Amino acid sequence: MFDIVVIDPPSFSTYEGKPFSIKKDMPALIDMSLRILNSRGYLFVATNFSEISNDDLKNMVNSSAFGGSRIKNIKDMGQDEDFGESSSFRKESYLAAILVQI
């Protein structure tokens, strides 16, 4: 069991010949992470995949089979003011992130 789990996977990758996709596989990754958190633990979830928002991440956490009533608080994190907003010139600066307190 862990006090803190950080999830920040690549948007797309391949592992043992199987593709990983944030949209498809992040909910299962969140669920597995919630299962190994101590009570009063924290889960930090981040992605730079621009098709996922903080609300999408919150929905994934809230719909987790293991999250449910264990979740005390979810705080929006993400794009820091020093980084500025994403633009067509700086698409790599996109960040969605949340901090979940158990």
Protein backbone atom coordinates (compact mmCIF):
# COMPACT_ATOMS: atom_id res chain seq x y z
CA MET A 1 0.00 0.00 0.00
CA PHE A 2 1.18 3.52 -0.74
CA ASP A 3 0.58 7.02 0.63
CA ILE A 4 1.02 8.68 -2.78
CA VAL A 5 0.63 7.38 -6.34
CA VAL A 6 1.55 9.48 -9.39
CA ILE A 7 0.09 8.65 -12.81
CA ASP A 8 1.52 10.51 -15.80
CA PRO A 9 1.60 8.02 -18.68
CA PRO A 10 2.48 8.81 -22.30
CA SER A 11 -0.50 9.64 -24.49
CA PHE A 12 0.18 6.62 -26.68
CA SER A 13 2.67 3.79 -26.32
CA THR A 14 3.15 0.09 -26.85
CA TYR A 15 3.97 -2.46 -24.16
CA GLU A 16 4.64 -6.10 -24.99
CA GLY A 17 3.13 -5.52 -28.42
CA LYS A 18 -0.11 -4.08 -27.02
CA PRO A 19 -1.07 -0.44 -27.60
CA PHE A 20 -1.77 1.90 -24.65
CA SER A 21 -4.20 4.77 -25.17
CA ILE A 22 -5.04 7.42 -22.56
CA LYS A 23 -8.72 7.51 -23.56
CA LYS A 24 -9.12 3.74 -23.45
CA ASP A 25 -6.71 2.64 -20.72
CA MET A 26 -6.53 5.51 -18.20
CA PRO A 27 -9.71 4.47 -16.29
CA ALA A 28 -8.25 1.03 -15.53
CA LEU A 29 -4.93 2.60 -14.51
CA ILE A 30 -6.75 4.94 -12.13
CA ASP A 31 -8.77 2.07 -10.67
CA MET A 32 -5.64 -0.02 -10.06
CA SER A 33 -3.94 2.96 -8.42
CA LEU A 34 -6.87 3.64 -6.08
CA ARG A 35 -6.72 0.02 -4.95
CA ILE A 36 -3.16 0.39 -3.66
CA LEU A 37 -3.62 3.69 -1.81
CA ASN A 38 -3.65 3.81 1.98
CA SER A 39 -6.55 5.52 3.67
CA ARG A 40 -5.81 9.26 3.64
CA GLY A 41 -3.52 8.73 0.63
CA TYR A 42 -3.19 10.89 -2.47
CA LEU A 43 -3.44 10.13 -6.17
CA PHE A 44 -1.97 12.62 -8.64
CA VAL A 45 -3.16 12.11 -12.23
CA ALA A 46 -1.75 14.10 -15.14
CA THR A 47 -1.76 13.97 -18.93
CA ASN A 48 -0.62 16.24 -21.73
CA PHE A 49 -3.09 14.60 -24.14
CA SER A 50 -5.16 17.58 -25.30
CA GLU A 51 -8.36 15.52 -25.76
CA ILE A 52 -8.56 14.84 -21.99
CA SER A 53 -9.66 17.60 -19.59
CA ASN A 54 -9.63 17.88 -15.81
CA ASP A 55 -13.35 17.05 -15.88
CA ASP A 56 -12.61 13.90 -17.89
CA LEU A 57 -10.02 12.85 -15.29
CA LYS A 58 -12.48 13.53 -12.46
CA ASN A 59 -15.13 11.44 -14.21
CA MET A 60 -12.65 8.57 -14.55
CA VAL A 61 -11.87 8.75 -10.83
CA ASN A 62 -15.52 9.04 -9.80
CA SER A 63 -16.56 6.14 -12.01
CA SER A 64 -13.82 3.90 -10.65
CA ALA A 65 -15.16 0.75 -9.05
CA PHE A 66 -12.75 1.22 -6.17
CA GLY A 67 -12.96 5.00 -5.70
CA GLY A 68 -16.57 5.65 -4.77
CA SER A 69 -17.09 6.78 -1.20
CA ARG A 70 -13.35 6.65 -0.42
CA ILE A 71 -12.74 9.94 -2.24
CA LYS A 72 -12.71 12.95 0.10
CA ASN A 73 -11.59 15.66 -2.30
CA ILE A 74 -10.49 16.25 -5.89
CA LYS A 75 -8.47 19.38 -6.62
CA ASP A 76 -7.88 20.77 -10.10
CA MET A 77 -4.23 21.14 -10.95
CA GLY A 78 -2.61 21.53 -14.34
CA GLN A 79 -1.33 24.35 -16.45
CA ASP A 80 0.74 26.73 -14.32
CA GLU A 81 0.42 30.46 -14.94
CA ASP A 82 4.15 30.60 -15.73
CA PHE A 83 3.59 28.33 -18.70
CA GLY A 84 0.77 30.30 -20.28
CA GLU A 85 -2.06 28.85 -22.29
CA SER A 86 -1.69 26.38 -25.10
CA SER A 87 -1.69 27.81 -28.58
CA SER A 88 -1.24 26.52 -32.07
CA PHE A 89 2.43 27.40 -31.65
CA ARG A 90 2.86 25.62 -28.28
CA LYS A 91 0.54 22.62 -28.27
CA GLU A 92 3.06 20.77 -26.09
CA SER A 93 2.24 23.11 -23.19
CA TYR A 94 -1.19 21.51 -22.57
CA LEU A 95 -1.63 19.83 -19.20
CA ALA A 96 -4.66 18.38 -17.43
CA ALA A 97 -4.04 17.26 -13.85
CA ILE A 98 -5.93 16.52 -10.64
CA LEU A 99 -5.00 15.66 -7.07
CA VAL A 100 -7.30 13.13 -5.41
CA GLN A 101 -7.43 12.82 -1.63
CA ILE A 102 -8.64 9.53 -0.15
